[in-house]
Protein backbone atom coordinates (compact mmCIF):
# COMPACT_ATOMS: atom_id res chain seq x y z
CA UNK A 1 0.00 0.00 0.00
CA UNK A 2 2.89 2.38 0.72
CA UNK A 3 4.14 1.91 -2.85
CA UNK A 4 0.79 3.06 -4.24
CA UNK A 5 0.95 6.20 -2.13
CA UNK A 6 4.54 6.82 -3.22
CA UNK A 7 3.71 6.19 -6.87
CA UNK A 8 0.66 8.42 -6.66
CA UNK A 9 2.84 11.16 -5.25
CA UNK A 10 5.30 10.73 -8.12
CA UNK A 11 2.44 10.78 -10.61
CA UNK A 12 0.99 13.94 -9.10
CA UNK A 13 4.39 15.59 -9.13
CA UNK A 14 5.06 14.49 -12.70
CA UNK A 15 1.78 15.86 -14.01
CA UNK A 16 1.89 19.09 -12.03
CA UNK A 17 5.51 20.11 -12.58
CA UNK A 18 4.86 22.13 -15.70
CA UNK A 19 7.63 20.07 -17.26
CA UNK A 20 5.56 17.30 -18.77
CA UNK A 21 8.50 15.56 -20.50
CA UNK A 22 10.52 15.46 -17.28
CA UNK A 23 7.47 14.14 -15.45
CA UNK A 24 7.07 11.28 -17.90
CA UNK A 25 10.75 10.44 -17.52
CA UNK A 26 10.32 10.34 -13.73
CA UNK A 27 7.38 7.96 -14.13
CA UNK A 28 9.36 5.74 -16.51
CA UNK A 29 12.21 5.43 -14.00
CA UNK A 30 9.82 4.97 -11.06
CA UNK A 31 8.00 2.14 -12.84
CA UNK A 32 11.16 0.05 -13.22
CA UNK A 33 11.38 -3.01 -10.98
CA UNK A 34 14.19 -2.88 -8.42
CA UNK A 35 17.48 -3.90 -10.00
CA UNK A 36 16.06 -3.73 -13.53
CA UNK A 37 17.84 -1.65 -16.15
CA UNK A 38 16.11 0.27 -18.90
CA UNK A 39 17.13 1.71 -22.23
CA UNK A 40 16.71 5.44 -22.66
CA UNK A 41 16.71 7.42 -25.88
CA UNK A 42 19.32 10.10 -26.45
CA UNK A 43 16.53 12.67 -26.01
CA UNK A 44 15.59 11.19 -22.61
CA UNK A 45 19.24 11.21 -21.51
CA UNK A 46 19.58 14.85 -22.60
CA UNK A 47 16.40 15.70 -20.69
CA UNK A 48 17.64 13.93 -17.56
CA UNK A 49 21.02 15.63 -17.79
CA UNK A 50 19.37 19.04 -18.15
CA UNK A 51 17.02 18.44 -15.20
CA UNK A 52 19.83 17.21 -12.91
CA UNK A 53 22.04 20.13 -13.93
CA UNK A 54 19.24 22.60 -13.13
CA UNK A 55 18.84 20.95 -9.72
CA UNK A 56 22.59 21.21 -9.19
CA UNK A 57 22.56 24.92 -10.05
CA UNK A 58 19.68 25.49 -7.63
CA UNK A 59 21.57 23.69 -4.84
CA UNK A 60 24.67 25.82 -5.53
CA UNK A 61 22.60 29.01 -5.32
CA UNK A 62 21.16 27.84 -2.00
CA UNK A 63 24.61 26.95 -0.65
CA UNK A 64 23.77 23.24 -0.39
CA UNK A 65 25.94 20.23 -1.13
CA UNK A 66 25.90 18.95 -4.71
CA UNK A 67 27.59 15.57 -4.21
CA UNK A 68 24.56 13.50 -5.25
CA UNK A 69 23.77 15.63 -8.29
CA UNK A 70 27.42 15.62 -9.32
CA UNK A 71 27.47 11.81 -9.13
CA UNK A 72 24.29 11.58 -11.18
CA UNK A 73 25.64 13.93 -13.84
CA UNK A 74 28.74 11.78 -14.17
CA UNK A 75 26.54 8.74 -14.77
CA UNK A 76 24.60 10.57 -17.47
CA UNK A 77 27.68 11.67 -19.43
C-alpha atoms as a PDB file:
ATOM      1  CA  UNK A   1       0.000   0.000   0.000  1.00  0.00           C
ATOM      2  CA  UNK A   2       2.886   2.377   0.723  1.00  0.00           C
ATOM      3  CA  UNK A   3       4.142   1.914  -2.846  1.00  0.00           C
ATOM      4  CA  UNK A   4       0.794   3.055  -4.243  1.00  0.00           C
ATOM      5  CA  UNK A   5       0.953   6.204  -2.128  1.00  0.00           C
ATOM      6  CA  UNK A   6       4.536   6.819  -3.219  1.00  0.00           C
ATOM      7  CA  UNK A   7       3.706   6.191  -6.872  1.00  0.00           C
ATOM      8  CA  UNK A   8       0.659   8.421  -6.656  1.00  0.00           C
ATOM      9  CA  UNK A   9       2.835  11.158  -5.246  1.00  0.00           C
ATOM     10  CA  UNK A  10       5.302  10.729  -8.121  1.00  0.00           C
ATOM     11  CA  UNK A  11       2.439  10.776 -10.613  1.00  0.00           C
ATOM     12  CA  UNK A  12       0.994  13.935  -9.104  1.00  0.00           C
ATOM     13  CA  UNK A  13       4.386  15.594  -9.131  1.00  0.00           C
ATOM     14  CA  UNK A  14       5.061  14.493 -12.700  1.00  0.00           C
ATOM     15  CA  UNK A  15       1.782  15.858 -14.013  1.00  0.00           C
ATOM     16  CA  UNK A  16       1.889  19.086 -12.029  1.00  0.00           C
ATOM     17  CA  UNK A  17       5.509  20.107 -12.576  1.00  0.00           C
ATOM     18  CA  UNK A  18       4.861  22.134 -15.698  1.00  0.00           C
ATOM     19  CA  UNK A  19       7.632  20.069 -17.257  1.00  0.00           C
ATOM     20  CA  UNK A  20       5.561  17.300 -18.769  1.00  0.00           C
ATOM     21  CA  UNK A  21       8.500  15.563 -20.500  1.00  0.00           C
ATOM     22  CA  UNK A  22      10.515  15.457 -17.283  1.00  0.00           C
ATOM     23  CA  UNK A  23       7.466  14.139 -15.450  1.00  0.00           C
ATOM     24  CA  UNK A  24       7.071  11.279 -17.904  1.00  0.00           C
ATOM     25  CA  UNK A  25      10.753  10.442 -17.525  1.00  0.00           C
ATOM     26  CA  UNK A  26      10.322  10.344 -13.734  1.00  0.00           C
ATOM     27  CA  UNK A  27       7.377   7.964 -14.127  1.00  0.00           C
ATOM     28  CA  UNK A  28       9.363   5.736 -16.505  1.00  0.00           C
ATOM     29  CA  UNK A  29      12.214   5.433 -14.000  1.00  0.00           C
ATOM     30  CA  UNK A  30       9.815   4.968 -11.064  1.00  0.00           C
ATOM     31  CA  UNK A  31       7.996   2.136 -12.837  1.00  0.00           C
ATOM     32  CA  UNK A  32      11.157   0.052 -13.220  1.00  0.00           C
ATOM     33  CA  UNK A  33      11.377  -3.009 -10.976  1.00  0.00           C
ATOM     34  CA  UNK A  34      14.192  -2.877  -8.418  1.00  0.00           C
ATOM     35  CA  UNK A  35      17.480  -3.901  -9.996  1.00  0.00           C
ATOM     36  CA  UNK A  36      16.059  -3.729 -13.531  1.00  0.00           C
ATOM     37  CA  UNK A  37      17.836  -1.649 -16.154  1.00  0.00           C
ATOM     38  CA  UNK A  38      16.110   0.265 -18.905  1.00  0.00           C
ATOM     39  CA  UNK A  39      17.131   1.705 -22.231  1.00  0.00           C
ATOM     40  CA  UNK A  40      16.714   5.443 -22.662  1.00  0.00           C
ATOM     41  CA  UNK A  41      16.707   7.416 -25.882  1.00  0.00           C
ATOM     42  CA  UNK A  42      19.324  10.104 -26.451  1.00  0.00           C
ATOM     43  CA  UNK A  43      16.534  12.672 -26.010  1.00  0.00           C
ATOM     44  CA  UNK A  44      15.591  11.191 -22.612  1.00  0.00           C
ATOM     45  CA  UNK A  45      19.237  11.214 -21.514  1.00  0.00           C
ATOM     46  CA  UNK A  46      19.582  14.849 -22.597  1.00  0.00           C
ATOM     47  CA  UNK A  47      16.401  15.699 -20.690  1.00  0.00           C
ATOM     48  CA  UNK A  48      17.640  13.931 -17.555  1.00  0.00           C
ATOM     49  CA  UNK A  49      21.024  15.632 -17.787  1.00  0.00           C
ATOM     50  CA  UNK A  50      19.375  19.042 -18.145  1.00  0.00           C
ATOM     51  CA  UNK A  51      17.024  18.436 -15.203  1.00  0.00           C
ATOM     52  CA  UNK A  52      19.826  17.215 -12.912  1.00  0.00           C
ATOM     53  CA  UNK A  53      22.040  20.133 -13.931  1.00  0.00           C
ATOM     54  CA  UNK A  54      19.237  22.595 -13.131  1.00  0.00           C
ATOM     55  CA  UNK A  55      18.840  20.951  -9.725  1.00  0.00           C
ATOM     56  CA  UNK A  56      22.594  21.212  -9.185  1.00  0.00           C
ATOM     57  CA  UNK A  57      22.559  24.923 -10.047  1.00  0.00           C
ATOM     58  CA  UNK A  58      19.675  25.485  -7.626  1.00  0.00           C
ATOM     59  CA  UNK A  59      21.573  23.694  -4.840  1.00  0.00           C
ATOM     60  CA  UNK A  60      24.668  25.816  -5.526  1.00  0.00           C
ATOM     61  CA  UNK A  61      22.599  29.010  -5.324  1.00  0.00           C
ATOM     62  CA  UNK A  62      21.159  27.838  -2.001  1.00  0.00           C
ATOM     63  CA  UNK A  63      24.609  26.947  -0.647  1.00  0.00           C
ATOM     64  CA  UNK A  64      23.772  23.243  -0.394  1.00  0.00           C
ATOM     65  CA  UNK A  65      25.941  20.227  -1.132  1.00  0.00           C
ATOM     66  CA  UNK A  66      25.902  18.945  -4.714  1.00  0.00           C
ATOM     67  CA  UNK A  67      27.587  15.569  -4.213  1.00  0.00           C
ATOM     68  CA  UNK A  68      24.557  13.503  -5.248  1.00  0.00           C
ATOM     69  CA  UNK A  69      23.768  15.633  -8.288  1.00  0.00           C
ATOM     70  CA  UNK A  70      27.425  15.617  -9.315  1.00  0.00           C
ATOM     71  CA  UNK A  71      27.471  11.814  -9.129  1.00  0.00           C
ATOM     72  CA  UNK A  72      24.286  11.580 -11.180  1.00  0.00           C
ATOM     73  CA  UNK A  73      25.641  13.934 -13.839  1.00  0.00           C
ATOM     74  CA  UNK A  74      28.743  11.784 -14.174  1.00  0.00           C
ATOM     75  CA  UNK A  75      26.541   8.739 -14.767  1.00  0.00           C
ATOM     76  CA  UNK A  76      24.595  10.573 -17.469  1.00  0.00           C
ATOM     77  CA  UNK A  77      27.680  11.668 -19.432  1.00  0.00           C
END
